[in-house]
């Protein structure tokens, strides 16, 4: 089985506070954010809505992409999200299908 890695963006509301992370288990990680399992930025700012994600088979690519996205200015990040998710829907509902 091939492994996948994900770079993801969470938000607390449309055009609100953003959190960027990387994981090998997107469903589990977003679930942890939504339920405040880990203290930190996401819990403090209630960034519980999955608004964007990318998938790659290489962990180094995912980590590099995460670092680059974190350096982007806010406007670029908002445009990236809206290019794939113009309504700012919570994509967790779509990926967490049993």
C-alpha atoms as a PDB file:
ATOM      1  CA  UNK A   1       0.000   0.000   0.000  1.00  0.00           C
ATOM      2  CA  UNK A   2       1.327   3.434  -0.941  1.00  0.00           C
ATOM      3  CA  UNK A   3       1.595   6.015   1.808  1.00  0.00           C
ATOM      4  CA  UNK A   4       0.097   9.476   1.395  1.00  0.00           C
ATOM      5  CA  UNK A   5       0.971  12.684   3.171  1.00  0.00           C
ATOM      6  CA  UNK A   6      -1.200  15.759   3.426  1.00  0.00           C
ATOM      7  CA  UNK A   7      -0.684  19.468   3.797  1.00  0.00           C
ATOM      8  CA  UNK A   8      -3.862  21.002   5.153  1.00  0.00           C
ATOM      9  CA  UNK A   9      -5.354  24.322   6.145  1.00  0.00           C
ATOM     10  CA  UNK A  10      -7.880  24.760   8.937  1.00  0.00           C
ATOM     11  CA  UNK A  11      -9.884  27.913   9.603  1.00  0.00           C
ATOM     12  CA  UNK A  12     -12.192  29.110  12.348  1.00  0.00           C
ATOM     13  CA  UNK A  13     -14.492  30.898   9.845  1.00  0.00           C
ATOM     14  CA  UNK A  14     -14.471  32.280   6.321  1.00  0.00           C
ATOM     15  CA  UNK A  15     -11.351  34.446   5.897  1.00  0.00           C
ATOM     16  CA  UNK A  16     -10.636  33.952   9.609  1.00  0.00           C
ATOM     17  CA  UNK A  17      -7.658  32.587  11.487  1.00  0.00           C
ATOM     18  CA  UNK A  18      -5.727  29.941   9.537  1.00  0.00           C
ATOM     19  CA  UNK A  19      -3.691  26.944  10.673  1.00  0.00           C
ATOM     20  CA  UNK A  20      -1.394  25.042   8.309  1.00  0.00           C
ATOM     21  CA  UNK A  21      -0.185  21.541   9.112  1.00  0.00           C
ATOM     22  CA  UNK A  22       1.148  18.290   7.667  1.00  0.00           C
ATOM     23  CA  UNK A  23       0.095  14.721   8.481  1.00  0.00           C
ATOM     24  CA  UNK A  24       0.047  11.159   7.183  1.00  0.00           C
ATOM     25  CA  UNK A  25      -3.503  10.581   8.465  1.00  0.00           C
ATOM     26  CA  UNK A  26      -5.706  13.505   7.493  1.00  0.00           C
ATOM     27  CA  UNK A  27      -8.969  12.184   8.927  1.00  0.00           C
ATOM     28  CA  UNK A  28      -7.429  11.344  12.304  1.00  0.00           C
ATOM     29  CA  UNK A  29      -5.524  14.618  12.531  1.00  0.00           C
ATOM     30  CA  UNK A  30      -8.474  16.849  11.655  1.00  0.00           C
ATOM     31  CA  UNK A  31     -10.634  14.882  14.109  1.00  0.00           C
ATOM     32  CA  UNK A  32      -8.038  15.619  16.806  1.00  0.00           C
ATOM     33  CA  UNK A  33      -8.143  19.336  15.942  1.00  0.00           C
ATOM     34  CA  UNK A  34     -11.950  19.404  15.972  1.00  0.00           C
ATOM     35  CA  UNK A  35     -12.047  17.803  19.411  1.00  0.00           C
ATOM     36  CA  UNK A  36      -9.211  19.854  20.938  1.00  0.00           C
ATOM     37  CA  UNK A  37      -7.146  16.777  21.790  1.00  0.00           C
ATOM     38  CA  UNK A  38      -3.874  18.697  21.660  1.00  0.00           C
ATOM     39  CA  UNK A  39      -3.124  22.020  23.295  1.00  0.00           C
ATOM     40  CA  UNK A  40      -1.757  24.660  20.964  1.00  0.00           C
ATOM     41  CA  UNK A  41      -2.629  27.120  18.240  1.00  0.00           C
ATOM     42  CA  UNK A  42      -5.565  25.225  16.766  1.00  0.00           C
ATOM     43  CA  UNK A  43      -7.223  24.754  20.150  1.00  0.00           C
ATOM     44  CA  UNK A  44      -6.583  28.359  21.209  1.00  0.00           C
ATOM     45  CA  UNK A  45      -8.037  29.870  18.029  1.00  0.00           C
ATOM     46  CA  UNK A  46     -10.729  27.226  17.309  1.00  0.00           C
ATOM     47  CA  UNK A  47      -9.413  26.451  13.837  1.00  0.00           C
ATOM     48  CA  UNK A  48     -11.580  23.360  13.401  1.00  0.00           C
ATOM     49  CA  UNK A  49     -12.788  23.676   9.799  1.00  0.00           C
ATOM     50  CA  UNK A  50     -10.815  21.821   7.118  1.00  0.00           C
ATOM     51  CA  UNK A  51     -10.909  24.272   4.208  1.00  0.00           C
ATOM     52  CA  UNK A  52      -8.028  23.031   2.042  1.00  0.00           C
ATOM     53  CA  UNK A  53      -5.697  20.076   1.625  1.00  0.00           C
ATOM     54  CA  UNK A  54      -3.170  18.636  -0.799  1.00  0.00           C
ATOM     55  CA  UNK A  55      -1.949  15.048  -1.050  1.00  0.00           C
ATOM     56  CA  UNK A  56       1.531  13.814  -1.972  1.00  0.00           C
ATOM     57  CA  UNK A  57       3.296  10.428  -1.767  1.00  0.00           C
ATOM     58  CA  UNK A  58       6.490  12.000  -0.378  1.00  0.00           C
ATOM     59  CA  UNK A  59       6.879  13.263   3.211  1.00  0.00           C
ATOM     60  CA  UNK A  60       9.702  15.637   2.276  1.00  0.00           C
ATOM     61  CA  UNK A  61       7.545  17.255  -0.396  1.00  0.00           C
ATOM     62  CA  UNK A  62       4.724  17.663   2.130  1.00  0.00           C
ATOM     63  CA  UNK A  63       6.991  19.233   4.750  1.00  0.00           C
ATOM     64  CA  UNK A  64       8.544  21.603   2.209  1.00  0.00           C
ATOM     65  CA  UNK A  65       5.107  22.648   0.944  1.00  0.00           C
ATOM     66  CA  UNK A  66       3.896  23.267   4.507  1.00  0.00           C
ATOM     67  CA  UNK A  67       6.912  25.475   5.240  1.00  0.00           C
ATOM     68  CA  UNK A  68       6.420  27.429   2.010  1.00  0.00           C
ATOM     69  CA  UNK A  69       2.705  27.963   2.620  1.00  0.00           C
ATOM     70  CA  UNK A  70       3.397  29.244   6.117  1.00  0.00           C
ATOM     71  CA  UNK A  71       5.651  31.920   4.592  1.00  0.00           C
ATOM     72  CA  UNK A  72       3.048  33.048   2.047  1.00  0.00           C
ATOM     73  CA  UNK A  73       1.240  36.305   2.683  1.00  0.00           C
ATOM     74  CA  UNK A  74      -2.329  36.047   3.872  1.00  0.00           C
ATOM     75  CA  UNK A  75      -3.891  37.114   0.576  1.00  0.00           C
ATOM     76  CA  UNK A  76      -2.147  34.289  -1.306  1.00  0.00           C
ATOM     77  CA  UNK A  77      -3.392  31.761   1.257  1.00  0.00           C
ATOM     78  CA  UNK A  78      -6.969  33.009   0.964  1.00  0.00           C
ATOM     79  CA  UNK A  79      -6.802  32.831  -2.839  1.00  0.00           C
ATOM     80  CA  UNK A  80      -5.408  29.287  -2.672  1.00  0.00           C
ATOM     81  CA  UNK A  81      -8.295  28.169  -0.443  1.00  0.00           C
ATOM     82  CA  UNK A  82     -10.900  29.893  -2.589  1.00  0.00           C
ATOM     83  CA  UNK A  83      -9.468  28.406  -5.801  1.00  0.00           C
ATOM     84  CA  UNK A  84     -10.532  24.937  -4.601  1.00  0.00           C
ATOM     85  CA  UNK A  85     -13.159  25.747  -1.971  1.00  0.00           C
ATOM     86  CA  UNK A  86     -14.885  29.057  -2.827  1.00  0.00           C
ATOM     87  CA  UNK A  87     -17.667  28.508  -0.277  1.00  0.00           C
ATOM     88  CA  UNK A  88     -15.276  27.654   2.564  1.00  0.00           C
ATOM     89  CA  UNK A  89     -17.109  24.377   3.220  1.00  0.00           C
ATOM     90  CA  UNK A  90     -15.775  22.078   5.914  1.00  0.00           C
ATOM     91  CA  UNK A  91     -14.157  19.392   3.738  1.00  0.00           C
ATOM     92  CA  UNK A  92     -13.915  16.992   6.675  1.00  0.00           C
ATOM     93  CA  UNK A  93     -17.494  15.872   6.032  1.00  0.00           C
ATOM     94  CA  UNK A  94     -16.471  14.797   2.508  1.00  0.00           C
ATOM     95  CA  UNK A  95     -13.297  12.910   3.432  1.00  0.00           C
ATOM     96  CA  UNK A  96     -14.594  11.238   6.602  1.00  0.00           C
ATOM     97  CA  UNK A  97     -17.171   9.132   4.765  1.00  0.00           C
ATOM     98  CA  UNK A  98     -17.248   5.623   6.186  1.00  0.00           C
END
